[in-house]
Protein backbone atom coordinates (compact mmCIF):
# COMPACT_ATOMS: atom_id res chain seq x y z
CA MET A 1 81.68 104.28 102.42
CA LYS A 2 80.64 104.88 98.74
CA ILE A 3 78.68 101.93 97.22
CA GLY A 4 77.78 101.93 93.67
CA VAL A 5 74.70 100.01 92.40
CA ILE A 6 74.07 98.56 88.74
CA GLN A 7 71.10 97.66 86.52
CA PRO A 8 72.69 96.77 83.42
CA LEU A 9 71.10 94.95 80.40
CA GLU A 10 73.70 93.71 78.25
CA VAL A 11 77.39 93.25 79.22
CA LYS A 12 78.71 96.07 77.39
CA SER A 13 76.51 98.56 78.98
CA ALA A 14 77.85 96.51 82.55
CA ILE A 15 81.20 97.66 81.50
CA LEU A 16 80.42 101.39 81.39
CA LEU A 17 78.35 102.19 83.85
CA VAL A 18 80.30 100.13 86.57
CA GLU A 19 83.28 102.04 85.19
CA LYS A 20 81.08 105.10 85.51
CA ALA A 21 80.53 104.75 89.45
CA LEU A 22 84.17 104.19 89.91
CA LYS A 23 84.81 107.61 88.27
CA GLU A 24 82.39 108.96 90.33
CA GLY A 25 84.25 107.59 93.43
CA ALA A 26 82.19 104.51 94.19
CA GLU A 27 84.58 102.21 96.25
CA LEU A 28 83.21 98.97 96.08
CA VAL A 29 80.42 98.22 92.93
CA LEU A 30 77.58 95.26 93.01
CA LEU A 31 76.05 94.13 90.49
CA PRO A 32 72.41 91.77 90.34
CA GLU A 33 72.14 88.38 89.87
CA LYS A 34 71.76 86.27 86.70
CA TRP A 35 71.82 89.27 85.01
CA THR A 36 73.95 87.83 82.15
CA LYS A 37 72.37 84.28 80.87
CA ASN A 38 75.68 82.23 82.22
CA ILE A 39 78.42 82.81 83.86
CA ASP A 40 80.21 82.50 80.76
CA ASP A 41 78.83 85.47 79.80
CA VAL A 42 80.07 87.71 82.81
CA PRO A 43 83.40 90.13 81.86
CA LEU A 44 85.09 88.84 84.60
CA VAL A 45 88.50 90.19 82.98
CA GLU A 46 87.46 93.46 82.75
CA PHE A 47 86.05 93.90 85.66
CA GLN A 48 89.18 92.48 87.37
CA LYS A 49 91.06 95.45 85.39
CA LEU A 50 88.26 97.99 86.35
CA ALA A 51 88.99 97.05 90.29
CA LYS A 52 92.95 97.38 89.90
CA ARG A 53 92.67 100.34 88.01
CA TYR A 54 90.16 101.94 90.68
CA THR A 55 91.55 100.13 93.73
CA ALA A 56 87.87 99.22 94.52
CA TYR A 57 86.31 96.10 95.25
CA ILE A 58 83.62 94.47 91.98
CA LEU A 59 80.88 91.91 93.61
CA PRO A 60 79.93 91.04 89.36
CA GLY A 61 76.55 89.60 90.36
CA ALA A 62 75.64 86.05 91.21
CA PHE A 63 75.72 83.07 88.40
CA GLU A 64 75.28 79.30 88.49
CA ASP A 65 78.72 78.18 87.79
CA GLY A 66 77.30 74.61 87.20
CA VAL A 67 77.41 73.31 90.52
CA SER A 68 76.14 76.43 92.80
CA VAL A 69 74.92 80.12 92.63
CA ILE A 70 78.02 81.84 93.41
CA THR A 71 79.12 85.36 94.01
CA PRO A 72 82.59 86.46 93.12
CA ILE A 73 84.51 89.14 95.16
CA ILE A 74 87.11 90.88 93.37
CA ASP A 75 89.29 93.43 95.47
CA ASP A 76 90.89 96.53 95.28
CA SER A 77 94.11 95.02 93.70
CA GLY A 78 91.81 93.13 90.62
CA ASN A 79 92.56 89.59 92.49
CA LEU A 80 89.33 86.96 93.28
CA LYS A 81 89.66 87.45 96.30
CA GLY A 82 87.14 84.48 96.86
CA ILE A 83 83.48 83.15 96.64
CA ALA A 84 79.87 83.06 98.30
CA LYS A 85 77.62 80.50 97.68
CA LYS A 86 73.64 81.03 97.71
CA ILE A 87 72.73 78.78 100.79
CA HIS A 88 69.10 78.55 100.02
CA LEU A 89 68.50 77.53 96.41
CA PHE A 90 65.10 78.61 95.00
CA ASN A 91 62.64 76.50 93.29
CA GLU A 92 64.15 74.72 90.10
CA GLU A 93 67.80 75.70 91.55
CA LYS A 94 67.53 72.75 94.12
CA LEU A 95 67.25 70.39 91.24
CA ARG A 96 70.37 70.66 89.45
CA LEU A 97 72.62 72.51 91.79
CA ILE A 98 74.40 72.10 95.38
CA PRO A 99 73.56 75.06 98.19
CA GLY A 100 76.38 76.67 99.92
CA ASN A 101 76.58 76.18 103.60
CA GLU A 102 78.79 79.13 104.51
CA ALA A 103 78.10 82.21 104.83
CA VAL A 104 80.69 84.76 103.33
CA LEU A 105 82.26 87.96 104.98
CA PHE A 106 84.72 90.27 104.82
CA THR A 107 86.21 94.02 105.60
CA TYR A 108 87.04 96.30 103.78
CA ARG A 109 88.19 99.98 104.51
CA GLY A 110 87.16 98.87 107.49
CA ILE A 111 83.61 98.00 106.98
CA ARG A 112 82.48 94.50 107.82
CA PHE A 113 80.74 92.92 104.55
CA GLY A 114 78.49 90.06 104.50
CA ILE A 115 77.01 88.74 101.10
CA LEU A 116 73.68 87.45 100.80
CA ILE A 117 72.33 85.37 97.56
CA CYS A 118 68.42 86.97 96.84
CA TYR A 119 66.64 83.93 98.53
CA ASP A 120 69.22 83.99 101.61
CA ILE A 121 67.25 87.46 102.61
CA ASP A 122 64.24 85.12 103.60
CA PHE A 123 66.06 83.85 106.35
CA PRO A 124 66.54 86.04 109.36
CA GLU A 125 68.95 83.75 110.80
CA VAL A 126 71.43 84.08 108.40
CA ALA A 127 71.35 87.49 108.55
CA ARG A 128 71.11 87.30 112.15
CA GLU A 129 74.85 85.02 112.36
CA LEU A 130 76.53 87.66 110.00
CA PHE A 131 75.03 90.33 112.82
CA SER A 132 76.51 88.50 115.21
CA LYS A 133 80.21 88.22 113.80
CA GLY A 134 79.95 91.86 113.49
CA VAL A 135 78.93 92.23 109.68
CA GLU A 136 77.47 95.99 108.81
CA ILE A 137 76.87 96.42 105.53
CA ILE A 138 74.51 93.28 103.54
CA LEU A 139 75.20 93.10 99.85
CA VAL A 140 72.13 91.34 98.22
CA PRO A 141 72.48 90.50 94.02
CA SER A 142 68.65 89.56 93.69
CA LYS A 143 66.76 88.66 90.73
CA VAL A 144 63.20 89.01 91.84
CA ARG A 145 60.27 89.46 89.75
CA GLY A 146 57.63 92.41 89.86
CA ASN A 147 54.90 90.72 91.40
CA GLY A 148 57.14 89.72 94.43
CA LEU A 149 58.77 92.88 94.94
CA ASP A 150 56.30 94.76 97.42
CA ILE A 151 57.41 91.27 100.13
CA TRP A 152 60.88 91.34 98.64
CA ASN A 153 61.56 94.97 100.47
CA GLU A 154 59.64 94.15 103.17
CA PHE A 155 62.46 91.25 103.85
CA LEU A 156 64.96 94.21 103.29
CA ARG A 157 63.57 96.17 105.51
CA ILE A 158 62.88 93.74 107.81
CA ARG A 159 66.27 92.10 108.33
CA VAL A 160 67.71 95.73 108.62
CA LEU A 161 65.44 96.65 111.59
CA GLU A 162 66.13 93.13 113.12
CA ASN A 163 69.78 93.63 113.34
CA ARG A 164 70.39 97.50 113.28
CA ILE A 165 72.60 96.82 109.81
CA GLY A 166 72.65 98.58 106.25
CA ILE A 167 71.32 96.48 103.08
CA VAL A 168 72.73 96.94 99.51
CA ASN A 169 70.50 95.31 97.24
CA ALA A 170 71.10 95.24 93.43
CA ASN A 171 68.42 93.18 91.42
CA VAL A 172 68.31 92.45 87.73
CA TYR A 173 66.43 95.35 84.95
CA SER A 174 65.22 92.45 82.18
CA PRO A 175 61.74 93.96 81.16
CA PRO A 176 58.46 92.89 81.22
CA ASP A 177 59.48 90.51 84.20
CA PHE A 178 62.16 92.13 86.33
CA PRO A 179 61.40 95.52 86.78
CA GLY A 180 64.84 96.32 88.60
CA ARG A 181 64.52 99.27 91.24
CA SER A 182 67.63 98.29 93.28
CA VAL A 183 67.45 99.71 96.41
CA ALA A 184 69.25 100.74 100.05
CA ILE A 185 68.26 100.23 103.35
CA VAL A 186 70.04 101.40 106.44
CA PRO A 187 68.86 101.86 110.22
CA GLU A 188 68.05 105.36 111.72
CA GLN A 189 66.75 106.13 115.04
CA ARG A 190 63.88 109.12 114.86
CA GLN A 191 63.72 111.75 117.50
CA ASP A 192 60.93 109.95 119.41
CA GLY A 193 63.33 107.12 119.78
CA ILE A 194 61.59 104.91 117.09
CA VAL A 195 64.12 102.68 114.56
CA ILE A 196 62.78 103.01 111.34
CA PRO A 197 64.54 101.19 108.24
CA LYS A 198 65.87 104.36 106.06
CA VAL A 199 66.01 104.54 102.31
CA VAL A 200 68.66 106.03 100.88
CA GLY A 201 68.68 104.67 97.34
CA VAL A 202 66.75 103.22 94.64
CA LEU A 203 67.04 102.73 91.04
CA GLY A 204 63.77 102.71 89.05
CA SER A 205 63.01 100.21 86.07
CA GLU A 206 65.51 101.45 84.00
CA GLU A 207 69.34 100.70 83.33
CA GLY A 208 71.44 102.41 85.19
CA TYR A 209 73.60 103.03 88.22
CA MET A 210 73.24 104.22 91.52
CA ILE A 211 76.12 105.58 94.49
CA VAL A 212 75.16 105.48 98.13
CA ASP A 213 77.19 106.56 100.34
CA ILE A 214 76.95 104.45 103.81
CA ASP A 215 78.62 105.45 107.00
CA PRO A 216 78.06 102.82 109.27
CA LEU A 217 79.24 104.51 112.52
CA LYS A 218 76.31 106.72 111.98
CA TYR A 219 73.93 103.52 113.23
CA MET A 220 77.15 101.63 114.95
CA TYR A 221 75.54 102.62 118.54
CA LEU A 222 72.15 100.92 117.59
CA ARG A 223 74.38 97.78 115.90
CA GLY A 224 75.49 97.89 119.82
CA ASP A 225 72.34 98.09 121.82
CA ARG A 226 70.98 95.23 119.47
CA LEU A 227 73.87 93.26 120.26
CA LYS A 228 73.75 93.78 123.93
CA GLU A 229 70.65 92.18 123.65
CA TYR A 230 71.20 89.26 121.50
CA VAL A 231 70.78 86.47 123.80
CA LYS A 232 71.70 82.84 122.22
CA PHE A 233 69.10 80.33 123.68
CA THR A 234 67.47 76.65 123.63
CA VAL A 235 64.07 75.61 122.77
CA LYS A 236 62.51 72.99 125.49
CA GLU A 237 59.93 70.69 124.84
CA LEU A 238 57.57 70.17 127.56
């Protein structure tokens, strides 16, 4: 699956970059969290037209809609398939918004995708629940500051290792505080048998896009082995 990751500075360039990625063969396109100031600035109609024209899915980022933080999911017919809501609100978001109460997954061209919005990735149980439902790639729109990127990338790598799934992250580029550096990571087994989180694509601190080609069949056996090891349990207090 060819996945386009976009780091736009403003609406006009976002539309241009999305179409460039689609012209180069992207089958699904992901944008960051809160790359525009409010949801009214998001060019949803234009993205719907592009999704239909190129028969691709577009996740135009994550935005506050006045109630929650949501990610719209535009399908390959240009229709709004549904929305995902941020389950774990961050800092001041808790003062004015309502958290979501369900994780969202969908199947596209035979691949099971899940969506986690930024701070959701910090909580392993959400990714694990998606993994247990067969998700192969988690899409993560985010808005992470430069001084938090090192630990953020650790969270991404750990979720890949814990669940033997791919993660594609689109992070905001808005200098000087938000440096972009979006990343895609998959599990890979070395010759010595150790499974590592392999970076298959990374953007710099600049406006732009990348296309990563992720084939979950390459790590299907790793997911299968981990799924067999997954045991539900209770906690007993003594």
